[in-house]
PDB file of N, CA and C in Angstrom:
ATOM      1  N   MET A   1     -28.589  39.916-156.693  1.00  0.00           N
ATOM      2  CA  MET A   1     -27.460  39.092-156.019  1.00  0.00           C
ATOM      3  C   MET A   1     -26.074  39.885-156.263  1.00  0.00           C
ATOM      4  N   ALA A   2     -26.185  40.304-157.032  1.00  0.00           N
ATOM      5  CA  ALA A   2     -24.878  41.039-157.383  1.00  0.00           C
ATOM      6  C   ALA A   2     -24.651  41.890-156.367  1.00  0.00           C
ATOM      7  N   ARG A   3     -25.247  42.468-156.177  1.00  0.00           N
ATOM      8  CA  ARG A   3     -24.982  43.444-154.479  1.00  0.00           C
ATOM      9  C   ARG A   3     -24.787  42.495-153.212  1.00  0.00           C
ATOM     10  N   LYS A   4     -25.064  41.401-153.085  1.00  0.00           N
ATOM     11  CA  LYS A   4     -24.805  40.822-152.213  1.00  0.00           C
ATOM     12  C   LYS A   4     -23.160  40.288-152.470  1.00  0.00           C
ATOM     13  N   SER A   5     -23.073  39.888-153.632  1.00  0.00           N
ATOM     14  CA  SER A   5     -21.835  39.800-153.918  1.00  0.00           C
ATOM     15  C   SER A   5     -20.733  40.485-153.614  1.00  0.00           C
ATOM     16  N   ALA A   6     -20.657  41.764-153.606  1.00  0.00           N
ATOM     17  CA  ALA A   6     -20.149  42.977-153.941  1.00  0.00           C
ATOM     18  C   ALA A   6     -19.874  42.939-152.438  1.00  0.00           C
ATOM     19  N   LEU A   7     -20.714  42.820-151.907  1.00  0.00           N
ATOM     20  CA  LEU A   7     -20.560  43.127-149.951  1.00  0.00           C
ATOM     21  C   LEU A   7     -20.107  41.902-149.324  1.00  0.00           C
ATOM     22  N   GLN A   8     -19.923  40.892-149.910  1.00  0.00           N
ATOM     23  CA  GLN A   8     -19.461  39.771-149.639  1.00  0.00           C
ATOM     24  C   GLN A   8     -18.193  39.718-149.378  1.00  0.00           C
ATOM     25  N   GLN A   9     -17.740  40.119-150.940  1.00  0.00           N
ATOM     26  CA  GLN A   9     -16.259  40.755-151.590  1.00  0.00           C
ATOM     27  C   GLN A   9     -15.500  41.391-150.465  1.00  0.00           C
ATOM     28  N   LEU A  10     -16.100  42.580-150.459  1.00  0.00           N
ATOM     29  CA  LEU A  10     -15.650  43.652-149.455  1.00  0.00           C
ATOM     30  C   LEU A  10     -15.308  42.867-147.793  1.00  0.00           C
ATOM     31  N   ASP A  11     -16.354  42.041-147.434  1.00  0.00           N
ATOM     32  CA  ASP A  11     -16.360  41.780-145.964  1.00  0.00           C
ATOM     33  C   ASP A  11     -14.996  40.754-146.086  1.00  0.00           C
ATOM     34  N   ARG A  12     -15.308  40.083-147.290  1.00  0.00           N
ATOM     35  CA  ARG A  12     -13.898  38.425-147.345  1.00  0.00           C
ATOM     36  C   ARG A  12     -12.582  39.711-147.379  1.00  0.00           C
ATOM     37  N   ALA A  13     -12.298  41.011-148.006  1.00  0.00           N
ATOM     38  CA  ALA A  13     -11.432  41.535-148.219  1.00  0.00           C
ATOM     39  C   ALA A  13     -11.164  41.925-146.822  1.00  0.00           C
ATOM     40  N   MET A  14     -11.932  42.503-146.155  1.00  0.00           N
ATOM     41  CA  MET A  14     -11.638  43.040-144.787  1.00  0.00           C
ATOM     42  C   MET A  14     -11.058  42.020-143.860  1.00  0.00           C
ATOM     43  N   LYS A  15     -11.811  40.583-143.612  1.00  0.00           N
ATOM     44  CA  LYS A  15     -11.003  39.693-142.834  1.00  0.00           C
ATOM     45  C   LYS A  15      -9.761  39.519-142.950  1.00  0.00           C
ATOM     46  N   THR A  16      -9.446  39.089-144.710  1.00  0.00           N
ATOM     47  CA  THR A  16      -8.209  38.834-144.969  1.00  0.00           C
ATOM     48  C   THR A  16      -7.272  40.083-144.117  1.00  0.00           C
ATOM     49  N   VAL A  17      -7.190  40.887-144.601  1.00  0.00           N
ATOM     50  CA  VAL A  17      -6.887  42.472-143.727  1.00  0.00           C
ATOM     51  C   VAL A  17      -6.754  42.099-142.268  1.00  0.00           C
ATOM     52  N   ARG A  18      -7.758  41.950-141.618  1.00  0.00           N
ATOM     53  CA  ARG A  18      -7.369  41.786-140.346  1.00  0.00           C
ATOM     54  C   ARG A  18      -6.423  40.361-139.716  1.00  0.00           C
ATOM     55  N   ASP A  19      -6.752  39.142-140.439  1.00  0.00           N
ATOM     56  CA  ASP A  19      -6.182  37.789-140.444  1.00  0.00           C
ATOM     57  C   ASP A  19      -4.749  38.025-140.617  1.00  0.00           C
ATOM     58  N   LEU A  20      -4.211  38.933-141.389  1.00  0.00           N
ATOM     59  CA  LEU A  20      -2.928  38.988-141.646  1.00  0.00           C
ATOM     60  C   LEU A  20      -2.722  40.142-140.632  1.00  0.00           C
ATOM     61  N   GLY A  21      -3.142  40.195-139.644  1.00  0.00           N
ATOM     62  CA  GLY A  21      -2.515  41.842-138.602  1.00  0.00           C
ATOM     63  C   GLY A  21      -2.233  43.287-139.835  1.00  0.00           C
ATOM     64  N   LEU A  22      -3.013  43.541-140.656  1.00  0.00           N
ATOM     65  CA  LEU A  22      -2.353  44.678-141.353  1.00  0.00           C
ATOM     66  C   LEU A  22      -3.322  46.011-141.280  1.00  0.00           C
ATOM     67  N   GLU A  23      -4.408  45.467-140.011  1.00  0.00           N
ATOM     68  CA  GLU A  23      -5.754  46.507-140.277  1.00  0.00           C
ATOM     69  C   GLU A  23      -4.955  47.535-139.576  1.00  0.00           C
ATOM     70  N   VAL A  24      -5.337  49.067-139.951  1.00  0.00           N
ATOM     71  CA  VAL A  24      -5.114  50.047-139.555  1.00  0.00           C
ATOM     72  C   VAL A  24      -6.432  50.969-139.219  1.00  0.00           C
ATOM     73  N   GLU A  25      -6.079  51.821-138.142  1.00  0.00           N
ATOM     74  CA  GLU A  25      -7.259  52.727-137.707  1.00  0.00           C
ATOM     75  C   GLU A  25      -8.013  53.520-138.760  1.00  0.00           C
ATOM     76  N   SER A  26      -9.296  53.651-138.990  1.00  0.00           N
ATOM     77  CA  SER A  26     -10.050  54.206-140.229  1.00  0.00           C
ATOM     78  C   SER A  26     -10.188  55.630-139.649  1.00  0.00           C
ATOM     79  N   SER A  27      -9.782  56.558-140.783  1.00  0.00           N
ATOM     80  CA  SER A  27      -9.811  57.998-140.548  1.00  0.00           C
ATOM     81  C   SER A  27     -10.661  58.221-139.972  1.00  0.00           C
ATOM     82  N   GLY A  28     -12.272  58.068-140.467  1.00  0.00           N
ATOM     83  CA  GLY A  28     -13.627  58.423-140.370  1.00  0.00           C
ATOM     84  C   GLY A  28     -13.952  59.496-141.278  1.00  0.00           C
ATOM     85  N   GLU A  29     -13.204  60.000-141.771  1.00  0.00           N
ATOM     86  CA  GLU A  29     -13.720  60.842-142.962  1.00  0.00           C
ATOM     87  C   GLU A  29     -14.443  60.289-143.800  1.00  0.00           C
ATOM     88  N   ASP A  30     -15.335  61.067-144.402  1.00  0.00           N
ATOM     89  CA  ASP A  30     -16.650  60.240-145.046  1.00  0.00           C
ATOM     90  C   ASP A  30     -16.975  62.011-146.227  1.00  0.00           C
ATOM     91  N   PRO A  31     -15.824  62.307-146.984  1.00  0.00           N
ATOM     92  CA  PRO A  31     -16.070  63.200-147.838  1.00  0.00           C
ATOM     93  C   PRO A  31     -17.277  63.031-148.730  1.00  0.00           C
ATOM     94  N   ILE A  32     -17.577  62.046-149.342  1.00  0.00           N
ATOM     95  CA  ILE A  32     -18.641  61.909-150.051  1.00  0.00           C
ATOM     96  C   ILE A  32     -19.893  61.754-149.604  1.00  0.00           C
ATOM     97  N   GLY A  33     -20.092  61.581-148.234  1.00  0.00           N
ATOM     98  CA  GLY A  33     -21.356  61.239-147.814  1.00  0.00           C
ATOM     99  C   GLY A  33     -22.642  62.137-148.220  1.00  0.00           C
ATOM    100  N   GLY A  34     -22.188  63.644-147.963  1.00  0.00           N
ATOM    101  CA  GLY A  34     -23.428  64.272-148.486  1.00  0.00           C
ATOM    102  C   GLY A  34     -23.977  64.204-149.418  1.00  0.00           C
ATOM    103  N   LEU A  35     -22.948  63.588-151.018  1.00  0.00           N
ATOM    104  CA  LEU A  35     -23.463  63.005-152.231  1.00  0.00           C
ATOM    105  C   LEU A  35     -24.312  61.774-152.178  1.00  0.00           C
ATOM    106  N   LEU A  36     -23.711  60.702-151.257  1.00  0.00           N
ATOM    107  CA  LEU A  36     -24.592  59.614-150.932  1.00  0.00           C
ATOM    108  C   LEU A  36     -25.957  59.808-150.269  1.00  0.00           C
ATOM    109  N   GLU A  37     -26.230  60.990-149.443  1.00  0.00           N
ATOM    110  CA  GLU A  37     -27.284  61.387-148.680  1.00  0.00           C
ATOM    111  C   GLU A  37     -28.431  61.773-149.447  1.00  0.00           C
ATOM    112  N   LYS A  38     -27.586  62.606-150.539  1.00  0.00           N
ATOM    113  CA  LYS A  38     -28.726  63.083-151.884  1.00  0.00           C
ATOM    114  C   LYS A  38     -29.391  61.953-152.759  1.00  0.00           C
ATOM    115  N   ILE A  39     -28.544  60.991-153.087  1.00  0.00           N
ATOM    116  CA  ILE A  39     -28.957  60.044-154.450  1.00  0.00           C
ATOM    117  C   ILE A  39     -29.785  58.546-153.451  1.00  0.00           C
ATOM    118  N   TYR A  40     -29.683  58.902-151.952  1.00  0.00           N
ATOM    119  CA  TYR A  40     -29.683  57.809-151.326  1.00  0.00           C
ATOM    120  C   TYR A  40     -31.188  56.860-151.613  1.00  0.00           C
ATOM    121  N   ASP A  41     -32.057  57.879-151.685  1.00  0.00           N
ATOM    122  CA  ASP A  41     -33.681  57.598-152.264  1.00  0.00           C
ATOM    123  C   ASP A  41     -33.620  57.128-153.640  1.00  0.00           C
ATOM    124  N   LEU A  42     -32.899  56.963-154.612  1.00  0.00           N
ATOM    125  CA  LEU A  42     -32.882  56.840-155.922  1.00  0.00           C
ATOM    126  C   LEU A  42     -32.482  55.403-155.838  1.00  0.00           C
ATOM    127  N   ASP A  43     -31.501  54.858-154.852  1.00  0.00           N
ATOM    128  CA  ASP A  43     -31.161  53.402-155.211  1.00  0.00           C
ATOM    129  C   ASP A  43     -30.465  53.026-153.661  1.00  0.00           C
ATOM    130  N   HIS A  44     -31.215  53.126-152.534  1.00  0.00           N
ATOM    131  CA  HIS A  44     -30.663  52.766-151.375  1.00  0.00           C
ATOM    132  C   HIS A  44     -29.713  51.625-151.429  1.00  0.00           C
ATOM    133  N   GLU A  45     -30.028  50.805-151.714  1.00  0.00           N
ATOM    134  CA  GLU A  45     -29.073  49.460-151.495  1.00  0.00           C
ATOM    135  C   GLU A  45     -27.597  49.387-152.189  1.00  0.00           C
ATOM    136  N   ASN A  46     -27.418  50.273-153.878  1.00  0.00           N
ATOM    137  CA  ASN A  46     -26.149  50.286-154.180  1.00  0.00           C
ATOM    138  C   ASN A  46     -25.880  51.559-153.018  1.00  0.00           C
ATOM    139  N   VAL A  47     -26.546  52.499-152.897  1.00  0.00           N
ATOM    140  CA  VAL A  47     -25.549  53.510-152.198  1.00  0.00           C
ATOM    141  C   VAL A  47     -25.367  52.508-150.947  1.00  0.00           C
ATOM    142  N   THR A  48     -25.592  52.186-150.223  1.00  0.00           N
ATOM    143  CA  THR A  48     -25.274  51.107-148.885  1.00  0.00           C
ATOM    144  C   THR A  48     -23.680  50.747-149.619  1.00  0.00           C
ATOM    145  N   ILE A  49     -23.838  49.851-150.615  1.00  0.00           N
ATOM    146  CA  ILE A  49     -22.691  49.063-151.159  1.00  0.00           C
ATOM    147  C   ILE A  49     -21.110  50.275-151.277  1.00  0.00           C
ATOM    148  N   ILE A  50     -21.615  51.239-151.910  1.00  0.00           N
ATOM    149  CA  ILE A  50     -20.824  52.661-152.445  1.00  0.00           C
ATOM    150  C   ILE A  50     -20.031  53.210-150.994  1.00  0.00           C
ATOM    151  N   ALA A  51     -20.895  53.207-149.835  1.00  0.00           N
ATOM    152  CA  ALA A  51     -20.310  54.180-148.998  1.00  0.00           C
ATOM    153  C   ALA A  51     -19.750  53.420-148.126  1.00  0.00           C
ATOM    154  N   LYS A  52     -19.832  51.422-148.085  1.00  0.00           N
ATOM    155  CA  LYS A  52     -19.081  50.834-147.420  1.00  0.00           C
ATOM    156  C   LYS A  52     -17.773  50.767-147.869  1.00  0.00           C
ATOM    157  N   THR A  53     -17.932  50.497-149.439  1.00  0.00           N
ATOM    158  CA  THR A  53     -16.527  50.920-150.196  1.00  0.00           C
ATOM    159  C   THR A  53     -15.788  51.606-149.815  1.00  0.00           C
ATOM    160  N   LEU A  54     -16.222  52.903-150.006  1.00  0.00           N
ATOM    161  CA  LEU A  54     -15.378  53.936-150.113  1.00  0.00           C
ATOM    162  C   LEU A  54     -14.595  54.024-148.771  1.00  0.00           C
ATOM    163  N   ALA A  55     -16.188  53.984-147.374  1.00  0.00           N
ATOM    164  CA  ALA A  55     -15.157  53.883-146.146  1.00  0.00           C
ATOM    165  C   ALA A  55     -14.033  53.171-145.778  1.00  0.00           C
ATOM    166  N   GLU A  56     -13.648  51.983-146.695  1.00  0.00           N
ATOM    167  CA  GLU A  56     -12.542  51.033-146.770  1.00  0.00           C
ATOM    168  C   GLU A  56     -11.663  51.588-147.604  1.00  0.00           C
ATOM    169  N   VAL A  57     -11.899  51.890-148.599  1.00  0.00           N
ATOM    170  CA  VAL A  57     -10.945  52.730-149.308  1.00  0.00           C
ATOM    171  C   VAL A  57      -9.576  53.190-148.670  1.00  0.00           C
ATOM    172  N   SER A  58      -9.882  53.924-147.508  1.00  0.00           N
ATOM    173  CA  SER A  58      -8.756  54.753-146.704  1.00  0.00           C
ATOM    174  C   SER A  58      -7.900  53.952-146.180  1.00  0.00           C
ATOM    175  N   THR A  59      -8.911  52.636-145.378  1.00  0.00           N
ATOM    176  CA  THR A  59      -7.670  51.820-144.873  1.00  0.00           C
ATOM    177  C   THR A  59      -7.059  50.722-146.032  1.00  0.00           C
ATOM    178  N   PHE A  60      -7.189  50.312-147.168  1.00  0.00           N
ATOM    179  CA  PHE A  60      -6.383  49.541-147.844  1.00  0.00           C
ATOM    180  C   PHE A  60      -5.283  50.793-148.598  1.00  0.00           C
ATOM    181  N   ASN A  61      -5.643  52.061-148.817  1.00  0.00           N
ATOM    182  CA  ASN A  61      -4.761  52.732-148.832  1.00  0.00           C
ATOM    183  C   ASN A  61      -3.658  53.212-148.183  1.00  0.00           C
ATOM    184  N   GLU A  62      -4.159  53.398-146.700  1.00  0.00           N
ATOM    185  CA  GLU A  62      -2.845  53.140-145.750  1.00  0.00           C
ATOM    186  C   GLU A  62      -1.922  52.407-145.720  1.00  0.00           C
ATOM    187  N   ILE A  63      -2.657  50.940-145.669  1.00  0.00           N
ATOM    188  CA  ILE A  63      -1.969  49.738-145.657  1.00  0.00           C
ATOM    189  C   ILE A  63      -0.951  49.332-146.803  1.00  0.00           C
ATOM    190  N   VAL A  64      -1.186  50.043-148.003  1.00  0.00           N
ATOM    191  CA  VAL A  64      -0.540  50.048-149.037  1.00  0.00           C
ATOM    192  C   VAL A  64       0.862  50.789-148.570  1.00  0.00           C
ATOM    193  N   ARG A  65       0.367  52.158-148.190  1.00  0.00           N
ATOM    194  CA  ARG A  65       1.496  52.927-148.036  1.00  0.00           C
ATOM    195  C   ARG A  65       2.472  52.451-147.142  1.00  0.00           C
ATOM    196  N   ASN A  66       1.856  51.688-145.786  1.00  0.00           N
ATOM    197  CA  ASN A  66       2.982  51.199-145.143  1.00  0.00           C
ATOM    198  C   ASN A  66       3.582  50.057-145.563  1.00  0.00           C
ATOM    199  N   GLU A  67       2.678  49.052-146.156  1.00  0.00           N
ATOM    200  CA  GLU A  67       3.799  48.352-146.952  1.00  0.00           C
ATOM    201  C   GLU A  67       4.367  48.633-147.813  1.00  0.00           C
ATOM    202  N   ILE A  68       4.766  49.510-148.526  1.00  0.00           N
ATOM    203  CA  ILE A  68       5.674  50.336-149.880  1.00  0.00           C
ATOM    204  C   ILE A  68       6.854  50.690-148.607  1.00  0.00           C
ATOM    205  N   SER A  69       6.185  51.380-147.559  1.00  0.00           N
ATOM    206  CA  SER A  69       7.574  51.746-146.620  1.00  0.00           C
ATOM    207  C   SER A  69       8.123  50.975-146.390  1.00  0.00           C
ATOM    208  N   ALA A  70       7.720  49.825-145.763  1.00  0.00           N
ATOM    209  CA  ALA A  70       8.067  48.854-145.267  1.00  0.00           C
ATOM    210  C   ALA A  70       9.091  47.940-146.316  1.00  0.00           C
ATOM    211  N   MET A  71       8.854  47.798-147.466  1.00  0.00           N
ATOM    212  CA  MET A  71       9.683  47.654-148.344  1.00  0.00           C
ATOM    213  C   MET A  71      10.832  48.325-148.471  1.00  0.00           C
ATOM    214  N   GLU A  72      10.707  49.464-148.698  1.00  0.00           N
ATOM    215  CA  GLU A  72      11.897  50.529-149.069  1.00  0.00           C
ATOM    216  C   GLU A  72      13.015  49.983-148.141  1.00  0.00           C
ATOM    217  N   ILE A  73      12.409  50.621-146.519  1.00  0.00           N
ATOM    218  CA  ILE A  73      13.477  50.162-145.455  1.00  0.00           C
ATOM    219  C   ILE A  73      14.011  48.581-145.807  1.00  0.00           C
ATOM    220  N   GLY A  74      13.337  47.871-145.698  1.00  0.00           N
ATOM    221  CA  GLY A  74      14.127  46.650-145.745  1.00  0.00           C
ATOM    222  C   GLY A  74      15.207  46.239-147.471  1.00  0.00           C
ATOM    223  N   GLU A  75      14.800  47.067-148.657  1.00  0.00           N
ATOM    224  CA  GLU A  75      15.425  47.242-149.636  1.00  0.00           C
ATOM    225  C   GLU A  75      17.202  47.957-148.794  1.00  0.00           C
ATOM    226  N   ARG A  76      16.792  49.021-148.222  1.00  0.00           N
ATOM    227  CA  ARG A  76      18.064  50.143-148.108  1.00  0.00           C
ATOM    228  C   ARG A  76      18.671  48.996-146.981  1.00  0.00           C
ATOM    229  N   TYR A  77      18.005  48.153-145.982  1.00  0.00           N
ATOM    230  CA  TYR A  77      18.741  47.557-144.745  1.00  0.00           C
ATOM    231  C   TYR A  77      19.750  46.341-145.465  1.00  0.00           C
ATOM    232  N   ASN A  78      19.119  45.767-146.761  1.00  0.00           N
ATOM    233  CA  ASN A  78      19.708  44.976-147.279  1.00  0.00           C
ATOM    234  C   ASN A  78      20.907  45.493-148.206  1.00  0.00           C
ATOM    235  N   GLU A  79      20.695  46.469-148.801  1.00  0.00           N
ATOM    236  CA  GLU A  79      22.055  47.454-149.409  1.00  0.00           C
ATOM    237  C   GLU A  79      22.949  47.910-148.430  1.00  0.00           C
ATOM    238  N   ILE A  80      22.301  48.659-147.187  1.00  0.00           N
ATOM    239  CA  ILE A  80      23.788  48.651-146.217  1.00  0.00           C
ATOM    240  C   ILE A  80      24.100  46.932-145.891  1.00  0.00           C
ATOM    241  N   VAL A  81      23.719  45.990-145.668  1.00  0.00           N
ATOM    242  CA  VAL A  81      24.254  45.022-145.133  1.00  0.00           C
ATOM    243  C   VAL A  81      25.188  44.441-146.170  1.00  0.00           C
ATOM    244  N   ALA A  82      24.549  44.809-147.527  1.00  0.00           N
ATOM    245  CA  ALA A  82      25.630  43.912-149.100  1.00  0.00           C
ATOM    246  C   ALA A  82      27.110  45.119-148.776  1.00  0.00           C
ATOM    247  N   ALA A  83      26.885  46.234-148.470  1.00  0.00           N
ATOM    248  CA  ALA A  83      27.814  47.033-148.585  1.00  0.00           C
ATOM    249  C   ALA A  83      28.811  46.891-147.427  1.00  0.00           C
ATOM    250  N   PHE A  84      28.258  46.286-146.178  1.00  0.00           N
ATOM    251  CA  PHE A  84      29.349  46.174-144.941  1.00  0.00           C
ATOM    252  C   PHE A  84      29.949  44.635-145.867  1.00  0.00           C
ATOM    253  N   ASN A  85      29.449  43.811-146.181  1.00  0.00           N
ATOM    254  CA  ASN A  85      29.458  42.352-146.656  1.00  0.00           C
ATOM    255  C   ASN A  85      30.593  42.429-147.964  1.00  0.00           C
ATOM    256  N   SER A  86      30.933  43.698-148.189  1.00  0.00           N
ATOM    257  CA  SER A  86      31.800  43.730-149.515  1.00  0.00           C
ATOM    258  C   SER A  86      33.054  44.398-149.025  1.00  0.00           C
ATOM    259  N   ILE A  87      33.520  44.501-147.407  1.00  0.00           N
ATOM    260  CA  ILE A  87      34.245  45.407-146.676  1.00  0.00           C
ATOM    261  C   ILE A  87      35.504  44.080-146.851  1.00  0.00           C
ATOM    262  N   PRO A  88      36.620  44.259-147.217  1.00  0.00           N
ATOM    263  CA  PRO A  88      37.502  42.865-147.315  1.00  0.00           C
ATOM    264  C   PRO A  88      38.106  43.179-145.608  1.00  0.00           C
TER     265      PRO A  88
END
């Protein structure tokens, strides 16, 4: 049941990202794919969950980078506006 719950949580998180319009294109890179293939026969259900989670990590990281960048630009804009507002 925990496996299904983990996949459900990931799916719910990705749906929220899409609903917020924050989805970015996946890079398609899978640097750990070879290792996961080697251990697939040991526990294929967990390997599937791990692979899906890792595939979305880069998406979440890109969203965070984009949002932080947007925050920095917004803060800088506010500083500039405040500076102009202080001109007598």
